[in-house]
N, C-alpha and C. Protein backbone atom coordinates (compact mmCIF):
# COMPACT_ATOMS: atom_id res chain seq x y z
N MET A 1 122.82 -21.28 76.91
CA MET A 1 121.27 -21.06 76.74
C MET A 1 120.62 -22.74 76.71
N TYR A 2 119.37 -22.92 77.24
CA TYR A 2 118.56 -24.54 77.14
C TYR A 2 117.35 -24.39 76.23
N ASP A 3 117.30 -24.63 75.32
CA ASP A 3 115.45 -24.39 74.50
C ASP A 3 115.19 -25.81 74.12
N ASP A 4 115.78 -26.53 73.71
CA ASP A 4 115.21 -28.34 73.32
C ASP A 4 115.02 -28.69 75.10
N ILE A 5 113.67 -28.73 75.98
CA ILE A 5 113.37 -28.94 76.74
C ILE A 5 112.55 -30.45 76.72
N ARG A 6 112.82 -31.51 77.25
CA ARG A 6 111.62 -32.29 77.33
C ARG A 6 111.37 -33.23 78.44
N MET A 7 109.94 -33.42 78.90
CA MET A 7 109.94 -34.58 80.01
C MET A 7 110.67 -35.05 80.47
N GLY A 8 111.20 -35.10 81.66
CA GLY A 8 112.31 -36.10 82.37
C GLY A 8 113.43 -35.74 82.27
N ASP A 9 113.84 -34.70 81.63
CA ASP A 9 115.30 -34.20 81.41
C ASP A 9 115.95 -33.76 82.94
N VAL A 10 117.01 -34.50 82.91
CA VAL A 10 117.75 -33.96 84.21
C VAL A 10 119.04 -32.66 83.76
N VAL A 11 118.56 -31.40 84.49
CA VAL A 11 119.15 -30.72 84.35
C VAL A 11 120.67 -29.71 85.63
N GLN A 12 121.39 -29.45 85.56
CA GLN A 12 122.18 -28.37 86.75
C GLN A 12 122.02 -27.33 86.41
N MET A 13 121.17 -26.68 87.79
CA MET A 13 121.33 -25.34 87.73
C MET A 13 122.40 -24.29 88.33
N ARG A 14 122.35 -23.23 87.86
CA ARG A 14 123.53 -22.84 88.24
C ARG A 14 123.84 -22.32 89.61
N LYS A 15 123.03 -22.30 90.56
CA LYS A 15 122.57 -21.86 91.80
C LYS A 15 122.13 -23.30 92.72
N PRO A 16 122.86 -24.19 93.49
CA PRO A 16 122.51 -25.41 94.47
C PRO A 16 121.36 -25.14 95.32
N HIS A 17 120.20 -25.80 95.33
CA HIS A 17 119.13 -25.57 95.92
C HIS A 17 119.71 -26.12 97.49
N PRO A 18 119.20 -25.61 98.60
CA PRO A 18 119.32 -25.32 100.12
C PRO A 18 119.74 -26.85 100.48
N CYS A 19 118.84 -27.90 99.96
CA CYS A 19 119.68 -29.10 100.64
C CYS A 19 120.48 -29.93 100.29
N GLY A 20 121.29 -29.07 99.03
CA GLY A 20 122.91 -29.22 98.24
C GLY A 20 123.01 -29.99 97.63
N SER A 21 121.98 -30.30 96.46
CA SER A 21 121.64 -30.87 95.25
C SER A 21 121.52 -29.74 94.43
N SER A 22 121.90 -29.82 93.05
CA SER A 22 121.80 -28.51 91.74
C SER A 22 121.52 -29.22 90.81
N GLN A 23 121.23 -30.40 90.74
CA GLN A 23 120.53 -31.43 89.84
C GLN A 23 118.90 -31.29 89.85
N TRP A 24 118.24 -31.15 88.63
CA TRP A 24 116.20 -30.87 88.59
C TRP A 24 116.61 -31.78 87.41
N GLU A 25 114.81 -32.34 87.92
CA GLU A 25 114.10 -33.10 87.07
C GLU A 25 113.12 -32.25 86.01
N VAL A 26 112.96 -32.49 85.40
CA VAL A 26 111.82 -31.56 84.12
C VAL A 26 110.63 -31.91 84.41
N VAL A 27 109.94 -31.77 85.09
CA VAL A 27 108.03 -32.67 85.30
C VAL A 27 106.89 -31.98 84.82
N ARG A 28 107.14 -30.73 84.07
CA ARG A 28 106.04 -30.01 83.46
C ARG A 28 106.61 -28.73 82.17
N LEU A 29 105.74 -29.35 81.39
CA LEU A 29 106.31 -27.75 80.25
C LEU A 29 105.13 -27.27 79.76
N GLY A 30 105.52 -25.67 79.69
CA GLY A 30 104.34 -24.96 79.30
C GLY A 30 104.78 -24.00 79.12
N ALA A 31 104.22 -22.76 79.49
CA ALA A 31 104.96 -21.27 79.47
C ALA A 31 105.33 -21.43 80.90
N ASP A 32 105.78 -21.83 81.49
CA ASP A 32 106.02 -22.01 83.14
C ASP A 32 106.62 -23.60 82.79
N ILE A 33 107.91 -23.90 83.41
CA ILE A 33 108.35 -24.95 83.34
C ILE A 33 108.81 -25.75 84.61
N GLY A 34 107.66 -26.94 84.94
CA GLY A 34 107.66 -27.25 86.47
C GLY A 34 109.23 -28.57 86.66
N ILE A 35 109.72 -28.02 87.88
CA ILE A 35 111.31 -29.03 87.85
C ILE A 35 110.93 -29.53 89.44
N ARG A 36 111.44 -30.77 89.55
CA ARG A 36 111.72 -31.75 91.16
C ARG A 36 112.86 -31.96 91.20
N CYS A 37 113.90 -31.22 92.98
CA CYS A 37 115.10 -31.31 93.21
C CYS A 37 115.23 -32.84 93.22
N SER A 38 116.78 -33.36 92.82
CA SER A 38 116.64 -34.76 92.60
C SER A 38 117.04 -34.51 94.22
N GLY A 39 117.71 -33.89 94.91
CA GLY A 39 117.70 -34.00 96.11
C GLY A 39 117.12 -34.35 97.13
N CYS A 40 115.61 -33.50 97.53
CA CYS A 40 115.17 -33.06 98.10
C CYS A 40 113.11 -33.92 98.21
N GLY A 41 113.27 -33.56 96.52
CA GLY A 41 112.04 -33.66 96.13
C GLY A 41 111.16 -32.55 95.48
N ARG A 42 111.42 -31.27 96.38
CA ARG A 42 111.01 -30.38 96.17
C ARG A 42 110.72 -29.74 94.35
N ARG A 43 109.47 -29.09 94.56
CA ARG A 43 108.32 -29.30 93.20
C ARG A 43 109.30 -27.59 93.29
N VAL A 44 109.33 -26.95 91.97
CA VAL A 44 109.32 -25.38 92.00
C VAL A 44 108.68 -25.18 90.19
N LEU A 45 107.89 -23.97 90.27
CA LEU A 45 107.96 -23.77 89.03
C LEU A 45 108.37 -22.39 88.60
N LEU A 46 109.13 -21.96 87.45
CA LEU A 46 109.52 -20.78 87.02
C LEU A 46 109.37 -20.66 85.49
N PRO A 47 109.27 -19.31 85.40
CA PRO A 47 108.74 -19.15 83.98
C PRO A 47 109.63 -19.58 83.46
N ARG A 48 109.63 -19.90 81.73
CA ARG A 48 110.41 -20.42 80.99
C ARG A 48 111.64 -19.46 80.72
N ARG A 49 111.23 -17.98 80.54
CA ARG A 49 112.72 -17.23 79.95
C ARG A 49 113.61 -17.40 81.32
N GLN A 50 112.92 -17.71 82.85
CA GLN A 50 114.09 -17.89 83.79
C GLN A 50 114.38 -19.16 83.98
N PHE A 51 114.11 -19.56 83.51
CA PHE A 51 114.49 -21.35 83.48
C PHE A 51 115.60 -21.54 82.51
N THR A 52 115.32 -20.99 81.33
CA THR A 52 116.34 -20.89 80.52
C THR A 52 117.62 -20.20 80.78
N ARG A 53 117.92 -19.08 81.30
CA ARG A 53 118.92 -18.73 81.68
C ARG A 53 119.30 -19.20 83.10
N GLN A 54 119.23 -19.87 83.51
CA GLN A 54 119.17 -20.61 85.06
C GLN A 54 120.22 -21.68 84.51
N VAL A 55 119.83 -22.23 84.18
CA VAL A 55 120.31 -24.00 83.58
C VAL A 55 121.51 -23.65 83.10
N LYS A 56 122.22 -24.50 83.47
CA LYS A 56 124.30 -24.52 83.52
C LYS A 56 123.96 -25.79 82.53
N GLY A 57 123.51 -26.36 82.90
CA GLY A 57 123.59 -27.90 81.51
C GLY A 57 122.68 -29.21 81.78
N LEU A 58 123.05 -30.02 80.43
CA LEU A 58 121.95 -30.82 80.91
C LEU A 58 123.18 -31.79 81.08
N VAL A 59 121.93 -33.08 82.21
CA VAL A 59 122.43 -33.98 82.77
C VAL A 59 122.28 -35.12 81.78
N ARG A 60 121.09 -35.41 81.97
CA ARG A 60 120.94 -36.51 81.71
C ARG A 60 119.51 -36.17 81.01
N ARG A 61 119.23 -36.31 79.36
CA ARG A 61 118.13 -36.28 78.07
C ARG A 61 117.10 -37.39 78.48
N GLY A 62 115.88 -36.93 78.72
CA GLY A 62 114.30 -37.35 78.87
C GLY A 62 113.88 -38.26 77.98
N ASP A 63 113.13 -38.78 77.85
CA ASP A 63 112.62 -39.60 76.95
C ASP A 63 112.30 -38.59 75.92
N PRO A 64 112.14 -39.41 74.52
CA PRO A 64 111.93 -38.49 73.13
C PRO A 64 110.10 -38.11 73.62
N PRO A 65 109.87 -37.26 72.45
CA PRO A 65 108.32 -37.01 72.49
C PRO A 65 107.69 -38.08 71.73
N ASP A 66 106.80 -38.27 71.95
CA ASP A 66 105.97 -39.43 71.27
C ASP A 66 105.55 -38.78 69.49
N GLN A 67 105.72 -39.87 68.65
CA GLN A 67 105.57 -39.52 67.54
C GLN A 67 103.77 -38.87 67.07
N PRO A 68 104.09 -37.70 66.30
CA PRO A 68 102.49 -37.54 66.16
C PRO A 68 101.59 -38.76 65.66
N ARG A 69 100.53 -38.47 65.74
CA ARG A 69 99.60 -39.20 65.47
C ARG A 69 98.39 -39.15 64.22
N ASN A 70 98.39 -39.85 63.37
CA ASN A 70 97.55 -39.25 62.18
C ASN A 70 95.75 -40.08 62.48
N TRP A 71 95.32 -38.77 62.90
CA TRP A 71 93.63 -39.39 63.40
C TRP A 71 92.82 -39.37 62.39
N HIS A 72 93.17 -39.69 61.00
CA HIS A 72 92.21 -39.67 59.86
C HIS A 72 92.58 -40.85 59.28
N SER A 73 93.21 -41.88 60.12
CA SER A 73 93.23 -42.94 58.97
C SER A 73 92.31 -43.96 58.96
């Protein structure tokens, strides 16, 4: 299971896409996870639970999240 998801992560899914690629880039985070196929560019929106079950592994880590800002300084 893959819980620490970041924007820009490239993951390998269990089943390949019909274009033949099994690598996807994370493009949206929230209750649903948006991913884009690295082969053909197709975008898919998956519920977070389904996404975590279908991920086989992490191929490349995305950028680290921005540091929280102190708005009151």
